[in-house]
Amino acid sequence: EQRGEKYISVDLKETLDWAPVRARVQKGIRNSNIMAIAPTA
């Protein structure tokens, strides 16, 4: 797919290993969403 000059070329060869992060937050993410402070306008 050809893109115009406005797009930035991104090197996708290096990626982060998200498996350890997912394993650590798998059970704790629910509490963080419940306890988050709502933004005010």
PDB file of N, CA and C in Angstrom:
ATOM      1  N   GLU A   1       0.850  -1.175   0.000  1.00  0.00           N
ATOM      2  CA  GLU A   1       0.000   0.000   0.000  1.00  0.00           C
ATOM      3  C   GLU A   1       0.897   1.241   0.000  1.00  0.00           C
ATOM      4  N   GLN A   2       0.639   2.117  -0.895  1.00  0.00           N
ATOM      5  CA  GLN A   2       1.455   3.318  -1.023  1.00  0.00           C
ATOM      6  C   GLN A   2       0.852   4.454  -0.202  1.00  0.00           C
ATOM      7  N   ARG A   3       1.711   5.182   0.504  1.00  0.00           N
ATOM      8  CA  ARG A   3       1.256   6.290   1.335  1.00  0.00           C
ATOM      9  C   ARG A   3       1.915   7.576   0.876  1.00  0.00           C
ATOM     10  N   GLY A   4       1.288   8.655   1.222  1.00  0.00           N
ATOM     11  CA  GLY A   4       1.823   9.960   0.862  1.00  0.00           C
ATOM     12  C   GLY A   4       2.977  10.368   1.757  1.00  0.00           C
ATOM     13  N   GLU A   5       3.514  11.545   1.535  1.00  0.00           N
ATOM     14  CA  GLU A   5       4.654  12.038   2.303  1.00  0.00           C
ATOM     15  C   GLU A   5       4.276  12.474   3.712  1.00  0.00           C
ATOM     16  N   LYS A   6       2.999  12.593   4.010  1.00  0.00           N
ATOM     17  CA  LYS A   6       2.549  13.046   5.326  1.00  0.00           C
ATOM     18  C   LYS A   6       2.752  11.983   6.406  1.00  0.00           C
ATOM     19  N   TYR A   7       2.867  10.711   6.009  1.00  0.00           N
ATOM     20  CA  TYR A   7       2.975   9.628   6.975  1.00  0.00           C
ATOM     21  C   TYR A   7       4.420   9.416   7.400  1.00  0.00           C
ATOM     22  N   ILE A   8       4.605   8.980   8.637  1.00  0.00           N
ATOM     23  CA  ILE A   8       5.932   8.727   9.185  1.00  0.00           C
ATOM     24  C   ILE A   8       6.246   7.248   9.030  1.00  0.00           C
ATOM     25  N   SER A   9       7.448   6.942   8.608  1.00  0.00           N
ATOM     26  CA  SER A   9       7.888   5.555   8.494  1.00  0.00           C
ATOM     27  C   SER A   9       8.235   5.037   9.888  1.00  0.00           C
ATOM     28  N   VAL A  10       7.609   3.926  10.300  1.00  0.00           N
ATOM     29  CA  VAL A  10       7.819   3.364  11.624  1.00  0.00           C
ATOM     30  C   VAL A  10       8.453   1.988  11.487  1.00  0.00           C
ATOM     31  N   ASP A  11       9.542   1.777  12.203  1.00  0.00           N
ATOM     32  CA  ASP A  11      10.222   0.482  12.193  1.00  0.00           C
ATOM     33  C   ASP A  11       9.536  -0.428  13.207  1.00  0.00           C
ATOM     34  N   LEU A  12       8.889  -1.482  12.729  1.00  0.00           N
ATOM     35  CA  LEU A  12       8.138  -2.383  13.608  1.00  0.00           C
ATOM     36  C   LEU A  12       8.932  -3.632  13.979  1.00  0.00           C
ATOM     37  N   LYS A  13      10.234  -3.661  13.701  1.00  0.00           N
ATOM     38  CA  LYS A  13      11.045  -4.837  14.010  1.00  0.00           C
ATOM     39  C   LYS A  13      11.205  -5.026  15.512  1.00  0.00           C
ATOM     40  N   GLU A  14      11.305  -3.919  16.239  1.00  0.00           N
ATOM     41  CA  GLU A  14      11.456  -4.014  17.687  1.00  0.00           C
ATOM     42  C   GLU A  14      10.105  -3.802  18.358  1.00  0.00           C
ATOM     43  N   THR A  15       9.688  -4.779  19.140  1.00  0.00           N
ATOM     44  CA  THR A  15       8.436  -4.658  19.884  1.00  0.00           C
ATOM     45  C   THR A  15       8.690  -5.026  21.340  1.00  0.00           C
ATOM     46  N   LEU A  16       7.847  -4.561  22.217  1.00  0.00           N
ATOM     47  CA  LEU A  16       7.976  -4.871  23.633  1.00  0.00           C
ATOM     48  C   LEU A  16       7.290  -6.189  23.942  1.00  0.00           C
ATOM     49  N   ASP A  17       7.782  -6.891  24.952  1.00  0.00           N
ATOM     50  CA  ASP A  17       7.173  -8.140  25.391  1.00  0.00           C
ATOM     51  C   ASP A  17       6.109  -7.800  26.437  1.00  0.00           C
ATOM     52  N   TRP A  18       4.850  -7.799  26.017  1.00  0.00           N
ATOM     53  CA  TRP A  18       3.752  -7.397  26.893  1.00  0.00           C
ATOM     54  C   TRP A  18       3.216  -8.544  27.745  1.00  0.00           C
ATOM     55  N   ALA A  19       3.652  -9.780  27.518  1.00  0.00           N
ATOM     56  CA  ALA A  19       3.130 -10.928  28.266  1.00  0.00           C
ATOM     57  C   ALA A  19       3.317 -10.781  29.779  1.00  0.00           C
ATOM     58  N   PRO A  20       4.500 -10.389  30.283  1.00  0.00           N
ATOM     59  CA  PRO A  20       4.638 -10.228  31.740  1.00  0.00           C
ATOM     60  C   PRO A  20       3.734  -9.130  32.305  1.00  0.00           C
ATOM     61  N   VAL A  21       3.544  -8.071  31.557  1.00  0.00           N
ATOM     62  CA  VAL A  21       2.671  -6.987  32.011  1.00  0.00           C
ATOM     63  C   VAL A  21       1.235  -7.477  32.087  1.00  0.00           C
ATOM     64  N   ARG A  22       0.788  -8.171  31.054  1.00  0.00           N
ATOM     65  CA  ARG A  22      -0.582  -8.709  31.053  1.00  0.00           C
ATOM     66  C   ARG A  22      -0.796  -9.671  32.209  1.00  0.00           C
ATOM     67  N   ALA A  23       0.203 -10.493  32.497  1.00  0.00           N
ATOM     68  CA  ALA A  23       0.080 -11.462  33.589  1.00  0.00           C
ATOM     69  C   ALA A  23      -0.060 -10.756  34.937  1.00  0.00           C
ATOM     70  N   ARG A  24       0.647  -9.645  35.123  1.00  0.00           N
ATOM     71  CA  ARG A  24       0.600  -8.930  36.406  1.00  0.00           C
ATOM     72  C   ARG A  24      -0.692  -8.152  36.603  1.00  0.00           C
ATOM     73  N   VAL A  25      -1.267  -7.613  35.544  1.00  0.00           N
ATOM     74  CA  VAL A  25      -2.469  -6.789  35.703  1.00  0.00           C
ATOM     75  C   VAL A  25      -3.760  -7.545  35.426  1.00  0.00           C
ATOM     76  N   GLN A  26      -3.653  -8.818  35.085  1.00  0.00           N
ATOM     77  CA  GLN A  26      -4.838  -9.595  34.725  1.00  0.00           C
ATOM     78  C   GLN A  26      -5.892  -9.579  35.828  1.00  0.00           C
ATOM     79  N   LYS A  27      -5.471  -9.680  37.071  1.00  0.00           N
ATOM     80  CA  LYS A  27      -6.431  -9.728  38.169  1.00  0.00           C
ATOM     81  C   LYS A  27      -6.603  -8.384  38.856  1.00  0.00           C
ATOM     82  N   GLY A  28      -5.696  -7.448  38.659  1.00  0.00           N
ATOM     83  CA  GLY A  28      -5.761  -6.180  39.361  1.00  0.00           C
ATOM     84  C   GLY A  28      -6.389  -5.050  38.565  1.00  0.00           C
ATOM     85  N   ILE A  29      -6.649  -5.252  37.293  1.00  0.00           N
ATOM     86  CA  ILE A  29      -7.155  -4.165  36.448  1.00  0.00           C
ATOM     87  C   ILE A  29      -8.584  -3.779  36.830  1.00  0.00           C
ATOM     88  N   ARG A  30      -9.375  -4.707  37.298  1.00  0.00           N
ATOM     89  CA  ARG A  30     -10.757  -4.400  37.668  1.00  0.00           C
ATOM     90  C   ARG A  30     -10.785  -3.395  38.813  1.00  0.00           C
ATOM     91  N   ASN A  31      -9.981  -3.613  39.816  1.00  0.00           N
ATOM     92  CA  ASN A  31      -9.952  -2.714  40.962  1.00  0.00           C
ATOM     93  C   ASN A  31      -9.468  -1.329  40.553  1.00  0.00           C
ATOM     94  N   SER A  32      -8.504  -1.251  39.667  1.00  0.00           N
ATOM     95  CA  SER A  32      -7.996   0.058  39.260  1.00  0.00           C
ATOM     96  C   SER A  32      -9.059   0.844  38.507  1.00  0.00           C
ATOM     97  N   ASN A  33      -9.899   0.152  37.748  1.00  0.00           N
ATOM     98  CA  ASN A  33     -10.965   0.846  37.022  1.00  0.00           C
ATOM     99  C   ASN A  33     -12.075   1.301  37.962  1.00  0.00           C
ATOM    100  N   ILE A  34     -12.355   0.535  38.981  1.00  0.00           N
ATOM    101  CA  ILE A  34     -13.403   0.898  39.939  1.00  0.00           C
ATOM    102  C   ILE A  34     -12.945   2.060  40.815  1.00  0.00           C
ATOM    103  N   MET A  35     -11.676   2.070  41.206  1.00  0.00           N
ATOM    104  CA  MET A  35     -11.159   3.055  42.149  1.00  0.00           C
ATOM    105  C   MET A  35     -10.666   4.337  41.481  1.00  0.00           C
ATOM    106  N   ALA A  36     -10.664   4.396  40.165  1.00  0.00           N
ATOM    107  CA  ALA A  36     -10.150   5.579  39.470  1.00  0.00           C
ATOM    108  C   ALA A  36     -11.009   6.800  39.779  1.00  0.00           C
ATOM    109  N   ILE A  37     -10.366   7.933  39.934  1.00  0.00           N
ATOM    110  CA  ILE A  37     -11.073   9.186  40.205  1.00  0.00           C
ATOM    111  C   ILE A  37     -11.620   9.728  38.889  1.00  0.00           C
ATOM    112  N   ALA A  38     -12.889  10.076  38.885  1.00  0.00           N
ATOM    113  CA  ALA A  38     -13.519  10.602  37.673  1.00  0.00           C
ATOM    114  C   ALA A  38     -13.037  12.027  37.408  1.00  0.00           C
ATOM    115  N   PRO A  39     -12.793  12.353  36.155  1.00  0.00           N
ATOM    116  CA  PRO A  39     -12.383  13.722  35.832  1.00  0.00           C
ATOM    117  C   PRO A  39     -13.545  14.699  36.008  1.00  0.00           C
ATOM    118  N   THR A  40     -13.220  15.920  36.337  1.00  0.00           N
ATOM    119  CA  THR A  40     -14.253  16.944  36.490  1.00  0.00           C
ATOM    120  C   THR A  40     -14.065  18.024  35.440  1.00  0.00           C
ATOM    121  N   ALA A  41     -15.151  18.633  35.061  1.00  0.00           N
ATOM    122  CA  ALA A  41     -15.084  19.672  34.026  1.00  0.00           C
ATOM    123  C   ALA A  41     -14.997  21.048  34.647  1.00  0.00           C
TER     124      ALA A  41
END
